[in-house]
Protein backbone atom coordinates (compact mmCIF):
# COMPACT_ATOMS: atom_id res chain seq x y z
CA MET A 1 -29.82 -1.31 -38.29
CA SER A 2 -29.98 -4.58 -40.18
CA LEU A 3 -26.08 -5.61 -40.21
CA ARG A 4 -24.80 -8.81 -40.59
CA LEU A 5 -21.47 -9.90 -39.86
CA THR A 6 -19.62 -12.72 -40.82
CA ASN A 7 -18.29 -14.35 -37.71
CA THR A 8 -14.81 -16.69 -37.81
CA LEU A 9 -16.76 -18.40 -34.11
CA THR A 10 -19.73 -19.41 -35.36
CA ARG A 11 -18.49 -19.75 -38.91
CA ARG A 12 -21.90 -18.59 -39.69
CA THR A 13 -23.14 -14.65 -41.41
CA GLU A 14 -25.45 -13.15 -38.06
CA PRO A 15 -27.14 -9.88 -37.30
CA PHE A 16 -24.98 -7.71 -34.78
CA THR A 17 -26.68 -7.09 -32.08
CA PRO A 18 -24.76 -4.59 -29.90
CA LEU A 19 -24.08 -5.65 -25.76
CA THR A 20 -25.14 -1.74 -25.30
CA PRO A 21 -28.39 -0.77 -27.29
CA GLY A 22 -26.45 2.38 -29.40
CA LYS A 23 -22.90 1.08 -28.21
CA ALA A 24 -20.00 -0.53 -29.22
CA SER A 25 -16.80 -2.09 -28.34
CA ILE A 26 -14.42 -3.02 -30.73
CA TYR A 27 -10.51 -4.40 -29.83
CA CYS A 28 -8.44 -4.20 -33.14
CA CYS A 29 -4.70 -6.58 -32.94
CA GLY A 30 -2.31 -4.03 -33.33
CA VAL A 31 1.54 -4.42 -34.98
CA THR A 32 4.43 -5.37 -33.29
CA VAL A 33 6.79 -2.30 -33.69
CA TYR A 34 9.93 -3.54 -35.55
CA ASP A 35 9.44 -2.27 -39.01
CA LEU A 36 7.33 -0.61 -41.25
CA CYS A 37 3.74 -1.36 -42.22
CA HIS A 38 3.25 -3.78 -45.21
CA LEU A 39 0.43 -4.27 -47.86
CA GLY A 40 -1.38 -6.69 -45.08
CA HIS A 41 -1.59 -3.81 -42.63
CA ALA A 42 -2.72 -1.80 -45.13
CA ARG A 43 -5.52 -4.33 -45.94
CA SER A 44 -6.71 -4.89 -42.01
CA TYR A 45 -6.75 -1.40 -41.30
CA ILE A 46 -8.93 -0.12 -43.84
CA ASN A 47 -11.26 -2.52 -43.82
CA TRP A 48 -11.65 -2.51 -40.21
CA ASP A 49 -11.71 1.41 -40.18
CA VAL A 50 -15.16 1.14 -43.34
CA LEU A 51 -16.19 -1.16 -39.90
CA ARG A 52 -16.00 1.53 -38.12
CA ARG A 53 -16.87 4.48 -40.03
CA PHE A 54 -20.01 2.72 -41.08
CA LEU A 55 -21.37 2.17 -37.49
CA ILE A 56 -20.67 5.80 -36.50
CA TRP A 57 -22.79 6.65 -39.82
CA ARG A 58 -25.25 4.67 -39.25
CA GLY A 59 -25.68 6.29 -35.38
CA LEU A 60 -23.44 3.57 -32.96
CA GLU A 61 -21.35 5.26 -30.55
CA VAL A 62 -18.20 3.29 -30.86
CA THR A 63 -15.33 2.87 -28.60
CA PHE A 64 -12.41 1.19 -31.23
CA VAL A 65 -9.28 0.36 -28.93
CA GLN A 66 -5.99 -0.74 -31.10
CA ASN A 67 -2.31 -2.08 -29.22
CA PHE A 68 0.81 -1.71 -30.06
CA THR A 69 2.71 -4.41 -29.13
CA ASP A 70 6.32 -2.54 -27.91
CA ILE A 71 7.51 -5.84 -26.19
CA ASP A 72 9.03 -8.74 -28.51
CA ASP A 73 12.05 -10.87 -29.81
CA LYS A 74 11.62 -9.04 -32.62
CA ILE A 75 12.22 -5.43 -31.71
CA LEU A 76 15.45 -6.55 -29.68
CA LYS A 77 16.87 -8.41 -32.34
CA ARG A 78 15.89 -4.96 -34.35
CA ALA A 79 17.17 -3.66 -31.71
CA ALA A 80 20.72 -5.85 -31.67
CA GLU A 81 20.93 -4.98 -35.28
CA GLN A 82 20.61 -0.79 -35.57
CA ASN A 83 22.76 -0.38 -32.34
CA SER A 84 19.78 0.63 -30.49
CA SER A 85 16.96 0.13 -28.11
CA MET A 86 13.74 -1.36 -27.52
CA THR A 87 12.42 1.74 -26.57
CA GLU A 88 13.91 3.82 -29.81
CA VAL A 89 13.21 0.88 -32.33
CA SER A 90 9.71 0.79 -30.72
CA GLU A 91 9.31 5.03 -30.66
CA ARG A 92 10.18 5.08 -33.77
CA ASN A 93 7.68 2.65 -35.67
CA ILE A 94 5.56 3.49 -33.48
CA ASP A 95 5.36 7.29 -34.96
CA ALA A 96 5.96 5.90 -38.96
CA PHE A 97 2.99 3.88 -38.42
CA HIS A 98 0.90 7.13 -37.41
CA GLN A 99 1.92 8.72 -40.90
CA ASP A 100 1.43 5.87 -42.56
CA MET A 101 -2.44 5.09 -41.75
CA ASP A 102 -3.25 9.00 -41.78
CA ALA A 103 -1.92 9.00 -45.28
CA LEU A 104 -4.42 6.26 -46.14
CA GLY A 105 -7.41 7.82 -44.04
CA ILE A 106 -7.50 5.45 -41.28
CA LEU A 107 -9.06 7.01 -38.61
CA ARG A 108 -7.07 7.35 -35.35
CA PRO A 109 -8.32 4.18 -32.37
CA ASP A 110 -9.65 6.20 -29.74
CA ARG A 111 -7.46 4.52 -27.71
CA MET A 112 -3.95 2.74 -28.62
CA PRO A 113 -2.29 1.03 -25.49
CA ARG A 114 1.08 -0.19 -25.34
CA ALA A 115 2.34 -3.72 -23.62
CA THR A 116 4.87 -1.52 -21.44
CA GLN A 117 2.09 0.56 -19.86
CA CYS A 118 0.08 -2.07 -19.01
CA LEU A 119 2.26 -5.00 -17.29
CA ASP A 120 0.16 -4.26 -14.19
CA GLY A 121 -2.97 -5.55 -15.37
CA ILE A 122 -1.14 -8.35 -17.45
CA ARG A 123 0.86 -9.16 -13.85
CA ALA A 124 -2.54 -9.54 -12.50
CA LEU A 125 -4.70 -11.13 -15.03
CA ILE A 126 -1.41 -14.16 -15.17
CA GLY A 127 -1.84 -14.37 -10.90
CA GLU A 128 -5.99 -15.04 -11.67
CA LEU A 129 -4.78 -18.21 -14.02
CA GLU A 130 -2.40 -19.75 -11.46
CA ALA A 131 -4.38 -19.15 -8.90
CA LYS A 132 -7.31 -21.04 -10.32
CA GLY A 133 -5.05 -23.91 -11.47
CA ALA A 134 -4.91 -22.74 -15.52
CA ALA A 135 -1.37 -20.96 -15.04
CA TYR A 136 1.78 -22.39 -13.99
CA SER A 137 5.19 -21.47 -12.98
CA ALA A 138 8.42 -23.04 -14.08
CA ASP A 139 11.93 -21.67 -13.97
CA GLY A 140 10.98 -17.79 -14.34
CA ASP A 141 8.66 -18.44 -16.80
CA VAL A 142 5.04 -18.79 -16.39
CA TYR A 143 3.11 -20.77 -19.03
CA PHE A 144 -1.16 -21.35 -19.66
CA ALA A 145 -2.12 -24.98 -19.69
CA VAL A 146 -4.33 -25.22 -22.67
CA MET A 147 -5.31 -29.15 -21.37
CA LYS A 148 -7.24 -27.10 -18.31
CA HIS A 149 -9.21 -25.58 -20.87
CA ALA A 150 -12.23 -27.08 -22.35
CA GLY A 151 -13.54 -24.86 -24.76
CA TYR A 152 -9.69 -24.62 -26.85
CA GLY A 153 -10.15 -24.67 -30.36
CA LYS A 154 -13.60 -23.52 -30.59
CA LEU A 155 -12.60 -20.34 -32.90
CA SER A 156 -9.61 -22.91 -35.12
CA GLY A 157 -11.88 -25.11 -35.51
CA ARG A 158 -9.07 -27.60 -34.62
CA ASP A 159 -8.15 -29.73 -31.68
CA LEU A 160 -4.53 -30.14 -29.95
CA SER A 161 -3.07 -33.36 -31.90
CA GLU A 162 -3.52 -30.98 -35.06
CA GLN A 163 -2.37 -27.95 -33.84
CA GLN A 164 1.81 -28.51 -33.23
CA ASP A 165 2.69 -27.33 -36.43
CA ASN A 166 1.13 -24.15 -36.02
CA ALA A 167 1.80 -23.18 -32.91
CA ALA A 168 5.75 -22.59 -33.75
CA GLY A 169 7.76 -18.96 -33.37
CA ARG A 170 6.93 -17.22 -30.18
CA VAL A 171 8.93 -20.05 -28.31
CA ALA A 172 12.47 -21.41 -28.27
CA ASP A 173 12.50 -24.96 -28.22
CA ALA A 174 14.45 -24.92 -25.81
CA GLU A 175 11.59 -23.85 -23.22
CA GLU A 176 9.95 -26.76 -24.37
CA ALA A 177 11.47 -29.36 -22.04
CA ARG A 178 9.42 -26.67 -18.80
CA LYS A 179 6.09 -26.85 -20.20
CA GLN A 180 3.73 -29.65 -19.53
CA HIS A 181 1.94 -30.50 -22.67
CA PRO A 182 3.77 -29.65 -26.48
CA PHE A 183 0.97 -26.44 -27.14
CA ASP A 184 1.28 -24.96 -23.67
CA PHE A 185 2.11 -21.32 -23.94
CA ALA A 186 4.00 -18.69 -22.80
CA LEU A 187 2.53 -16.12 -20.20
CA TRP A 188 5.51 -14.92 -18.89
CA LYS A 189 9.26 -15.12 -20.19
CA GLY A 190 11.58 -15.17 -17.06
CA ALA A 191 14.66 -12.80 -18.10
CA LYS A 192 17.79 -13.62 -20.55
CA PRO A 193 21.03 -12.30 -19.76
CA GLY A 194 21.35 -8.80 -21.36
CA GLU A 195 17.74 -8.27 -21.80
CA PRO A 196 15.18 -5.96 -21.26
CA SER A 197 12.83 -6.84 -18.08
CA PHE A 198 10.64 -5.92 -15.61
CA PRO A 199 9.75 -7.29 -12.27
CA SER A 200 7.08 -9.82 -11.41
CA PRO A 201 6.43 -12.50 -8.81
CA TRP A 202 7.95 -14.81 -10.51
CA GLY A 203 11.09 -13.04 -11.01
CA GLU A 204 12.44 -10.52 -13.96
CA GLY A 205 10.97 -10.95 -16.81
CA ARG A 206 8.70 -9.64 -19.77
CA PRO A 207 4.78 -10.38 -20.89
CA GLY A 208 4.52 -13.31 -24.10
CA TRP A 209 2.43 -12.13 -26.54
CA HIS A 210 -0.70 -13.70 -26.04
CA ILE A 211 -1.66 -12.31 -22.60
CA GLU A 212 -0.41 -8.30 -23.17
CA CYS A 213 -4.20 -8.58 -25.78
CA SER A 214 -6.30 -10.06 -23.19
CA ALA A 215 -4.84 -7.77 -20.59
CA MET A 216 -5.41 -4.81 -22.83
CA VAL A 217 -8.91 -5.55 -23.95
CA ARG A 218 -10.18 -5.72 -19.98
CA ALA A 219 -8.61 -3.11 -18.94
CA GLU A 220 -10.12 -1.05 -21.49
CA LEU A 221 -13.22 -2.66 -22.72
CA GLY A 222 -14.66 -4.69 -19.99
CA ASP A 223 -14.47 -8.61 -19.55
CA THR A 224 -16.94 -9.04 -22.97
CA ILE A 225 -17.09 -6.91 -26.17
CA ASP A 226 -18.93 -6.64 -28.87
CA ILE A 227 -16.29 -7.12 -31.89
CA HIS A 228 -13.06 -8.31 -31.91
CA LEU A 229 -10.41 -8.11 -35.22
CA GLY A 230 -7.62 -8.85 -37.00
CA GLY A 231 -6.27 -10.54 -40.40
CA ALA A 232 -6.54 -14.63 -40.74
CA ASP A 233 -2.93 -15.37 -39.76
CA LEU A 234 -3.91 -14.26 -35.94
CA VAL A 235 -7.18 -17.23 -36.05
CA PHE A 236 -4.50 -19.51 -34.77
CA PRO A 237 -2.54 -18.89 -31.82
CA HIS A 238 -2.94 -15.59 -30.99
CA HIS A 239 -6.47 -15.18 -31.18
CA GLU A 240 -7.31 -18.95 -29.88
CA ASN A 241 -4.97 -18.37 -27.08
CA GLU A 242 -6.89 -14.88 -26.01
CA ILE A 243 -9.95 -16.35 -25.57
CA ALA A 244 -8.41 -19.35 -23.31
CA GLN A 245 -6.52 -17.37 -20.94
CA SER A 246 -9.21 -14.63 -20.70
CA GLU A 247 -12.33 -16.62 -20.33
CA ALA A 248 -10.41 -18.94 -17.96
CA ALA A 249 -9.90 -16.22 -15.96
CA THR A 250 -13.12 -14.12 -16.20
CA GLY A 251 -15.59 -17.26 -16.68
CA GLN A 252 -16.98 -14.59 -19.77
CA GLU A 253 -17.43 -14.84 -22.91
CA LEU A 254 -14.82 -12.35 -24.53
CA ALA A 255 -15.71 -11.54 -27.72
CA ARG A 256 -19.77 -11.66 -29.46
CA VAL A 257 -18.03 -11.42 -32.22
CA TRP A 258 -14.78 -12.18 -34.19
CA MET A 259 -13.73 -11.30 -37.84
CA HIS A 260 -10.78 -11.98 -39.83
CA ASN A 261 -9.64 -10.40 -42.63
CA GLY A 262 -8.36 -12.11 -46.06
CA MET A 263 -4.59 -11.93 -46.88
CA VAL A 264 -2.74 -10.60 -49.13
CA ASN A 265 -1.40 -12.48 -52.21
CA VAL A 266 1.54 -10.90 -54.92
CA GLY A 267 1.08 -12.09 -58.29
CA GLY A 268 -0.58 -15.00 -57.12
CA GLN A 269 1.76 -16.19 -53.50
CA LYS A 270 1.40 -15.34 -50.69
CA MET A 271 3.34 -11.96 -49.50
CA SER A 272 6.52 -12.90 -47.45
CA LYS A 273 9.53 -10.97 -47.11
CA SER A 274 11.00 -15.19 -47.85
CA LEU A 275 9.90 -14.77 -50.52
CA GLY A 276 11.15 -11.19 -51.81
CA ASN A 277 7.77 -9.70 -53.08
CA PHE A 278 6.88 -8.26 -49.90
CA THR A 279 5.72 -4.33 -50.01
CA THR A 280 5.37 -1.75 -46.99
CA ILE A 281 2.76 0.77 -47.43
CA ARG A 282 5.72 4.03 -47.18
CA ALA A 283 7.46 2.50 -50.45
CA LEU A 284 4.11 2.02 -52.39
CA LEU A 285 3.89 5.72 -51.56
CA GLU A 286 6.73 6.91 -52.40
CA SER A 287 6.50 5.46 -55.97
CA GLY A 288 3.89 7.57 -56.74
CA VAL A 289 0.32 5.50 -55.88
CA SER A 290 -1.85 7.71 -54.53
CA PRO A 291 -3.03 6.85 -50.95
CA MET A 292 -7.21 6.84 -52.24
CA THR A 293 -5.54 4.41 -55.10
CA LEU A 294 -4.30 1.96 -52.64
CA ARG A 295 -7.87 2.44 -50.42
CA LEU A 296 -10.07 1.77 -53.35
CA PHE A 297 -7.91 -1.35 -54.45
CA VAL A 298 -8.09 -2.41 -50.68
CA LEU A 299 -12.18 -2.16 -51.12
CA GLN A 300 -12.52 -3.73 -54.63
CA ALA A 301 -12.30 -6.96 -52.92
CA HIS A 302 -14.30 -8.42 -50.11
CA TYR A 303 -12.52 -8.17 -46.62
CA ARG A 304 -12.86 -12.07 -46.14
CA LYS A 305 -10.76 -12.84 -49.52
CA PRO A 306 -7.72 -13.12 -50.50
CA LEU A 307 -6.30 -10.06 -52.17
CA ASP A 308 -3.89 -10.50 -55.37
CA PHE A 309 -1.64 -7.55 -55.33
CA THR A 310 -0.34 -6.86 -58.64
CA ALA A 311 0.76 -3.71 -61.52
CA GLU A 312 -2.25 -4.36 -63.50
CA ALA A 313 -4.93 -4.82 -60.58
CA LEU A 314 -3.24 -1.05 -59.46
CA GLU A 315 -3.11 0.35 -62.55
CA ALA A 316 -6.87 -0.73 -62.75
CA ALA A 317 -7.90 0.31 -59.16
CA ALA A 318 -5.90 4.41 -59.93
CA THR A 319 -7.93 4.72 -63.26
CA GLY A 320 -11.15 4.10 -61.38
CA TRP A 321 -9.70 6.38 -58.56
CA LYS A 322 -9.53 9.56 -61.17
CA GLY A 323 -13.31 9.62 -62.70
CA LEU A 324 -14.27 9.42 -59.08
CA ASN A 325 -12.04 11.87 -57.68
CA ALA A 326 -13.14 14.38 -61.15
CA ALA A 327 -16.74 14.46 -59.33
CA LEU A 328 -15.93 13.95 -55.89
CA SER A 329 -13.35 17.46 -56.46
CA LEU A 330 -15.90 19.03 -58.35
CA GLY A 331 -17.54 21.48 -55.87
CA GLU A 332 -14.03 22.34 -54.66
CA ARG A 333 -12.94 23.40 -58.11
CA HIS A 334 -16.30 24.60 -59.64
CA GLY A 335 -18.72 24.94 -57.19
CA ASP A 336 -19.01 28.72 -57.40
CA GLN A 337 -19.26 28.64 -61.31
CA LEU A 338 -22.16 26.43 -60.60
CA GLY A 339 -23.52 28.26 -58.25
CA TRP A 340 -23.93 25.88 -55.65
CA PRO A 341 -24.67 26.86 -52.18
CA SER A 342 -22.02 25.48 -49.80
CA SER A 343 -24.04 24.10 -47.62
CA SER A 344 -24.41 21.08 -50.26
CA ALA A 345 -20.37 21.10 -49.30
CA LEU A 346 -19.82 18.16 -46.49
CA PRO A 347 -16.95 19.05 -44.68
CA GLU A 348 -13.59 16.63 -45.44
CA GLY A 349 -13.87 13.68 -43.19
CA ALA A 350 -16.82 14.53 -41.70
CA ILE A 351 -18.99 11.22 -41.03
CA GLY A 352 -21.64 13.25 -41.17
CA PRO A 353 -25.81 12.16 -39.91
CA GLN A 354 -27.51 9.73 -41.83
CA THR A 355 -29.76 12.34 -43.90
CA SER A 356 -31.44 10.63 -46.97
CA PRO A 357 -32.16 12.51 -50.36
CA ASP A 358 -35.83 14.13 -51.54
CA ASP A 359 -34.39 12.49 -54.68
CA GLU A 360 -36.41 9.17 -55.50
CA THR A 361 -33.14 8.01 -57.55
CA LEU A 362 -30.98 9.44 -54.84
CA GLN A 363 -32.71 7.14 -52.14
CA ALA A 364 -32.76 4.24 -54.04
CA LEU A 365 -28.88 4.54 -54.35
CA GLU A 366 -27.99 5.62 -50.56
CA GLN A 367 -30.48 2.32 -49.32
CA GLN A 368 -28.40 -0.35 -52.67
CA PHE A 369 -25.24 1.36 -50.49
CA ILE A 370 -26.68 0.59 -47.50
CA ALA A 371 -28.08 -2.96 -48.08
CA SER A 372 -24.16 -3.69 -49.72
CA MET A 373 -22.99 -3.08 -46.66
CA GLU A 374 -24.93 -4.25 -44.13
CA ASP A 375 -24.25 -7.74 -46.12
CA ASP A 376 -20.68 -8.23 -44.22
CA LEU A 377 -19.46 -5.23 -45.29
CA ASN A 378 -19.59 -5.22 -49.04
CA SER A 379 -17.68 -2.65 -49.97
CA SER A 380 -17.66 -3.82 -53.57
CA GLY A 381 -21.02 -3.21 -54.16
CA ALA A 382 -20.53 0.32 -52.18
CA LEU A 383 -18.24 1.14 -54.39
CA ALA A 384 -20.67 0.26 -57.02
CA VAL A 385 -23.04 2.91 -55.92
CA LEU A 386 -20.49 5.60 -55.73
CA PHE A 387 -19.05 5.33 -59.15
CA GLU A 388 -22.59 5.24 -60.45
CA LEU A 389 -23.49 8.17 -58.22
CA ALA A 390 -20.11 9.88 -59.83
CA LYS A 391 -20.80 9.13 -63.55
CA PRO A 392 -22.89 12.31 -64.54
CA LEU A 393 -20.88 14.57 -61.84
CA ARG A 394 -17.87 13.47 -64.01
CA ALA A 395 -18.83 14.09 -67.01
CA LEU A 396 -19.55 17.56 -66.19
CA ALA A 397 -16.23 18.07 -64.34
CA ASN A 398 -14.36 17.13 -67.48
CA ARG A 399 -16.15 19.47 -69.66
CA LEU A 400 -15.95 22.07 -67.00
CA GLU A 401 -11.69 21.10 -66.96
CA ARG A 402 -11.49 21.68 -70.88
CA GLY A 403 -12.91 24.98 -70.53
CA ASP A 404 -16.54 24.50 -71.89
CA ASP A 405 -19.74 26.03 -70.09
CA ALA A 406 -22.24 23.04 -68.46
CA GLU A 407 -25.07 23.87 -70.69
CA LEU A 408 -27.58 22.46 -67.92
CA PRO A 409 -30.84 23.70 -66.93
CA GLU A 410 -31.02 25.27 -63.73
CA THR A 411 -33.41 22.52 -61.96
CA GLU A 412 -30.17 20.13 -63.53
CA ILE A 413 -27.30 21.90 -61.42
CA ARG A 414 -29.05 21.04 -58.26
CA SER A 415 -30.26 18.09 -59.03
CA LEU A 416 -26.46 17.30 -59.43
CA ALA A 417 -25.61 19.54 -56.31
CA HIS A 418 -27.80 17.14 -54.23
CA ARG A 419 -26.27 14.32 -56.14
CA TRP A 420 -22.54 15.43 -55.02
CA THR A 421 -23.67 15.23 -51.48
CA LEU A 422 -24.85 12.24 -51.33
CA LEU A 423 -21.41 11.10 -52.90
CA ARG A 424 -19.65 12.94 -50.73
CA ALA A 425 -21.27 11.46 -47.45
CA LEU A 426 -20.97 7.78 -48.73
CA ALA A 427 -17.19 8.67 -49.44
CA VAL A 428 -16.82 9.21 -46.58
CA VAL A 429 -18.55 6.46 -44.90
CA LEU A 430 -15.64 4.42 -46.78
CA GLY A 431 -12.87 6.84 -46.47
CA LEU A 432 -12.51 8.17 -49.33
CA ARG A 433 -11.73 11.95 -50.15
CA GLY A 434 -11.05 14.64 -53.05
CA GLU A 435 -7.04 14.27 -53.73
CA ALA A 436 -5.23 17.20 -55.33
CA ALA A 437 -4.33 16.66 -59.07
CA ALA A 438 -0.85 15.33 -59.25
CA GLN A 439 1.32 18.92 -60.86
CA SER A 440 3.17 18.97 -63.54
CA ASP A 441 6.94 20.06 -64.51
CA LEU A 442 6.11 20.14 -67.77
CA ASP A 443 6.18 23.05 -69.57
CA ASP A 444 3.57 23.37 -72.67
CA ALA A 445 6.32 22.55 -75.82
CA ALA A 446 7.61 19.43 -74.06
CA ILE A 447 3.92 18.87 -74.02
CA ASP A 448 3.63 19.44 -77.85
CA ALA A 449 6.28 17.37 -78.25
CA ALA A 450 5.05 14.14 -77.05
CA ILE A 451 1.86 14.35 -78.38
CA ALA A 452 3.91 14.83 -81.33
CA ALA A 453 5.84 11.73 -80.53
CA ARG A 454 2.45 9.50 -79.66
CA GLN A 455 0.84 10.88 -83.41
CA ALA A 456 3.74 9.14 -85.18
CA ALA A 457 3.85 6.25 -83.00
CA LYS A 458 0.50 5.67 -83.89
CA ALA A 459 1.09 6.63 -87.56
CA ALA A 460 3.64 3.85 -87.04
CA LYS A 461 0.96 1.32 -85.75
CA ASP A 462 3.36 1.10 -82.64
CA TYR A 463 0.33 0.75 -80.62
CA ALA A 464 2.58 0.18 -77.87
CA GLU A 465 4.45 3.28 -77.39
CA ALA A 466 1.93 5.73 -77.58
CA ASP A 467 0.47 4.12 -74.66
CA ARG A 468 3.14 4.11 -72.83
CA ILE A 469 3.58 8.23 -73.74
CA ARG A 470 -0.43 8.64 -72.61
CA ASN A 471 0.71 6.74 -69.61
CA GLU A 472 3.32 8.64 -68.77
CA LEU A 473 1.79 11.86 -69.60
CA THR A 474 -1.49 11.43 -67.00
CA THR A 475 1.06 10.10 -64.31
CA LYS A 476 2.33 13.59 -64.94
CA GLY A 477 -0.84 15.30 -64.37
CA ILE A 478 -1.57 15.57 -68.10
CA GLU A 479 -5.28 14.17 -69.43
CA LEU A 480 -4.66 14.04 -73.68
CA ILE A 481 -7.88 14.45 -75.21
CA ASP A 482 -8.47 12.91 -78.47
CA LYS A 483 -10.72 14.35 -81.37
CA PRO A 484 -11.77 13.65 -84.49
CA GLY A 485 -9.13 14.45 -87.32
CA GLY A 486 -6.25 13.38 -85.81
CA ILE A 487 -6.65 16.48 -82.99
CA THR A 488 -5.37 15.72 -79.71
CA GLU A 489 -6.50 18.61 -77.17
CA TRP A 490 -4.69 18.43 -73.77
CA ILE A 491 -5.38 20.06 -70.17
CA ARG A 492 -3.82 20.16 -66.37
CA SER A 493 -5.49 17.76 -64.78
């Protein structure tokens, strides 16, 4: 395997060499479970799901760990707002997380530790840091002393004098006086009245945000792992602090490769609740956007680049997915009619072993797919291969859906079966799966009336109205086929 990945730590795109041949250990920073997941989470976890799938497809044994932060000020605030408890808020949002990720076809991690379940490891790690002089206690709090770690800042590339503005948000101003240096960060927070707390050698309290991941990485995967994942917003302070506290405790490199995905913009602006452009995965799916359309939309951009979310871009992804979905679903819908053997179908969702096709054209397309993915997960290049494979399959699917005969030689039918098999196998690597078309509740008379209204709009040169009618029918699973002589036929797609 010639996989090259961009390493945030070294600022280079470099060959990936696992610590243990044939295996890969991966840790992905998970969500703080105080609310539903948003589009930024979808972008991050779809991309890392593709990384994991590709490594598995290329023959590696992957251990993928992703955490839940279920102790946090935001969770406590939400619990107070809802007259609920920290545990109830966390459990409710963990269930919602699984529903959203399952809908998007994201493989569940091998293990998903929670902060509340890792308290022994957290306390032990803090104790080691204190014994080494890298941490100190102050009035029930414990802080990491950033000046005691010579490599602090190596991930973000900033020195301490530049980081003050970015370090805020997790520690209240009232705590600043207890710290030896303004950039020291909390490992353990002393209990506040009315808040959940846990026992420790420093008194009742709860862990800080950063120490959770260091303890969980160590407990689940060891002192050094292959790949650590997260969004670009986590580079500083979270991942910088993870490196400092882990490496100060163990003396070992925390992760060989650090990968970060770009942020999501909405109409050119950063997505945020304060700007009112915040979009949850749940809201998108409930609005009628299909999970695979959303997945395709995310994968059209390189994972490190900003992703601009607009209605037009999402509509373009929906159009692209419609054609690709028709090709992916061809075997299930018409395999018997074509006489395709059942063995041509890959079980839904299975990441099969990489077995190159016999056909030279298909071999070349598979190698193009591999080359794109090995080039720092160039998912847009990989998608281009899928669309190329899909072209003749989509054309055949359209003919069969209209009720036409295939009218193809037996040799070409077999060739298309091999093409479909490869398309399915590569689509699974990207996590794309065939979706059932939307079912229309319109009867034939209502469809004919809509077509007549569209023809009238076109005659009046009101092309915007004609397009609106066509798009509305498309969303309801009705595909229009314009033929010579002004005739329009339709099928339920």
